[in-house]
Amino acid sequence: YKGKTWNYLVNGQTGEIQGEAPISAWKVAIAVVLGLLLIGGIIYLYSQSKQH
């Protein structure tokens, strides 16, 4: 991935995984922000429906 070799080991009996994943900090941050916006939107819509 992006010119770097990533090694993984998976234990076939326990399912334990060893290794480092190529995680993008930007993608994680965007996913967190979108998740929070989605939760906030649901809470807002729910609170608006209770007022009527």
N, C-alpha and C. Protein backbone atom coordinates (compact mmCIF):
# COMPACT_ATOMS: atom_id res chain seq x y z
N TYR A 1 0.84 -1.17 0.00
CA TYR A 1 0.00 0.00 0.00
C TYR A 1 0.89 1.23 0.00
N LYS A 2 0.76 2.09 -0.99
CA LYS A 2 1.56 3.31 -1.13
C LYS A 2 3.06 3.03 -1.02
N GLY A 3 3.50 1.95 -1.65
CA GLY A 3 4.91 1.64 -1.71
C GLY A 3 5.50 1.00 -0.47
N LYS A 4 4.68 0.66 0.51
CA LYS A 4 5.18 0.04 1.72
C LYS A 4 4.58 -1.35 1.85
N THR A 5 5.39 -2.30 2.32
CA THR A 5 4.91 -3.66 2.54
C THR A 5 4.31 -3.76 3.94
N TRP A 6 3.11 -4.33 4.02
CA TRP A 6 2.43 -4.51 5.30
C TRP A 6 2.29 -6.01 5.56
N ASN A 7 2.83 -6.46 6.68
CA ASN A 7 2.77 -7.88 7.02
C ASN A 7 1.70 -8.12 8.08
N TYR A 8 0.94 -9.18 7.89
CA TYR A 8 -0.10 -9.58 8.83
C TYR A 8 0.06 -11.05 9.16
N LEU A 9 -0.27 -11.40 10.38
CA LEU A 9 -0.32 -12.79 10.79
C LEU A 9 -1.68 -13.02 11.42
N VAL A 10 -2.36 -14.08 11.01
CA VAL A 10 -3.66 -14.43 11.58
C VAL A 10 -3.57 -15.85 12.11
N ASN A 11 -3.86 -16.03 13.40
CA ASN A 11 -3.88 -17.35 14.00
C ASN A 11 -5.16 -18.05 13.55
N GLY A 12 -5.04 -19.17 12.87
CA GLY A 12 -6.19 -19.88 12.34
C GLY A 12 -7.07 -20.51 13.40
N GLN A 13 -6.54 -20.73 14.60
CA GLN A 13 -7.33 -21.36 15.66
C GLN A 13 -8.05 -20.33 16.52
N THR A 14 -7.36 -19.26 16.87
CA THR A 14 -7.95 -18.26 17.78
C THR A 14 -8.48 -17.04 17.04
N GLY A 15 -8.06 -16.83 15.81
CA GLY A 15 -8.48 -15.65 15.07
C GLY A 15 -7.71 -14.40 15.46
N GLU A 16 -6.69 -14.55 16.31
CA GLU A 16 -5.89 -13.40 16.74
C GLU A 16 -5.11 -12.85 15.55
N ILE A 17 -5.10 -11.53 15.44
CA ILE A 17 -4.44 -10.86 14.33
C ILE A 17 -3.25 -10.08 14.85
N GLN A 18 -2.11 -10.21 14.19
CA GLN A 18 -0.91 -9.45 14.51
C GLN A 18 -0.52 -8.65 13.28
N GLY A 19 -0.10 -7.43 13.49
CA GLY A 19 0.34 -6.61 12.37
C GLY A 19 -0.17 -5.19 12.52
N GLU A 20 0.29 -4.34 11.65
CA GLU A 20 -0.07 -2.93 11.68
C GLU A 20 -0.87 -2.61 10.42
N ALA A 21 -2.02 -1.98 10.61
CA ALA A 21 -2.88 -1.65 9.47
C ALA A 21 -2.53 -0.26 8.94
N PRO A 22 -2.61 -0.06 7.62
CA PRO A 22 -2.35 1.26 7.04
C PRO A 22 -3.58 2.16 7.20
N ILE A 23 -3.69 2.79 8.37
CA ILE A 23 -4.85 3.63 8.69
C ILE A 23 -4.54 5.09 8.39
N SER A 24 -5.44 5.74 7.67
CA SER A 24 -5.29 7.15 7.35
C SER A 24 -5.97 7.99 8.43
N ALA A 25 -5.22 8.86 9.08
CA ALA A 25 -5.78 9.70 10.14
C ALA A 25 -6.89 10.61 9.60
N TRP A 26 -6.73 11.09 8.38
CA TRP A 26 -7.74 11.96 7.78
C TRP A 26 -9.05 11.22 7.57
N LYS A 27 -8.97 10.01 7.07
CA LYS A 27 -10.18 9.23 6.82
C LYS A 27 -10.89 8.87 8.13
N VAL A 28 -10.12 8.57 9.15
CA VAL A 28 -10.71 8.27 10.46
C VAL A 28 -11.39 9.52 11.01
N ALA A 29 -10.74 10.67 10.91
CA ALA A 29 -11.32 11.93 11.41
C ALA A 29 -12.60 12.27 10.66
N ILE A 30 -12.60 12.11 9.35
CA ILE A 30 -13.80 12.39 8.55
C ILE A 30 -14.93 11.44 8.94
N ALA A 31 -14.62 10.17 9.15
CA ALA A 31 -15.65 9.20 9.54
C ALA A 31 -16.24 9.55 10.90
N VAL A 32 -15.41 9.99 11.84
CA VAL A 32 -15.89 10.37 13.17
C VAL A 32 -16.79 11.59 13.07
N VAL A 33 -16.37 12.60 12.32
CA VAL A 33 -17.17 13.82 12.17
C VAL A 33 -18.50 13.50 11.50
N LEU A 34 -18.49 12.70 10.44
CA LEU A 34 -19.73 12.34 9.76
C LEU A 34 -20.65 11.54 10.69
N GLY A 35 -20.08 10.66 11.48
CA GLY A 35 -20.88 9.89 12.43
C GLY A 35 -21.52 10.79 13.47
N LEU A 36 -20.76 11.75 13.99
CA LEU A 36 -21.30 12.69 14.98
C LEU A 36 -22.39 13.56 14.37
N LEU A 37 -22.19 14.01 13.13
CA LEU A 37 -23.21 14.80 12.45
C LEU A 37 -24.49 13.98 12.24
N LEU A 38 -24.33 12.73 11.88
CA LEU A 38 -25.49 11.86 11.67
C LEU A 38 -26.25 11.67 12.98
N ILE A 39 -25.54 11.39 14.06
CA ILE A 39 -26.18 11.22 15.36
C ILE A 39 -26.86 12.52 15.79
N GLY A 40 -26.18 13.65 15.61
CA GLY A 40 -26.77 14.94 15.94
C GLY A 40 -28.02 15.23 15.14
N GLY A 41 -28.00 14.89 13.85
CA GLY A 41 -29.17 15.10 13.00
C GLY A 41 -30.34 14.24 13.44
N ILE A 42 -30.07 13.01 13.81
CA ILE A 42 -31.14 12.12 14.28
C ILE A 42 -31.73 12.65 15.58
N ILE A 43 -30.88 13.09 16.50
CA ILE A 43 -31.37 13.64 17.77
C ILE A 43 -32.19 14.90 17.51
N TYR A 44 -31.73 15.75 16.62
CA TYR A 44 -32.47 16.98 16.29
C TYR A 44 -33.84 16.65 15.71
N LEU A 45 -33.89 15.75 14.74
CA LEU A 45 -35.17 15.39 14.13
C LEU A 45 -36.10 14.74 15.14
N TYR A 46 -35.56 13.92 16.01
CA TYR A 46 -36.37 13.27 17.04
C TYR A 46 -36.94 14.31 18.00
N SER A 47 -36.12 15.28 18.41
CA SER A 47 -36.59 16.31 19.34
C SER A 47 -37.63 17.21 18.68
N GLN A 48 -37.49 17.47 17.38
CA GLN A 48 -38.47 18.28 16.66
C GLN A 48 -39.80 17.55 16.53
N SER A 49 -39.77 16.26 16.36
CA SER A 49 -41.02 15.50 16.21
C SER A 49 -41.76 15.41 17.54
N LYS A 50 -41.07 15.48 18.66
CA LYS A 50 -41.70 15.43 19.98
C LYS A 50 -42.39 16.75 20.32
N GLN A 51 -41.99 17.85 19.71
CA GLN A 51 -42.56 19.16 20.02
C GLN A 51 -43.90 19.37 19.34
N HIS A 52 -44.22 18.59 18.33
CA HIS A 52 -45.47 18.78 17.57
C HIS A 52 -46.55 17.90 18.09
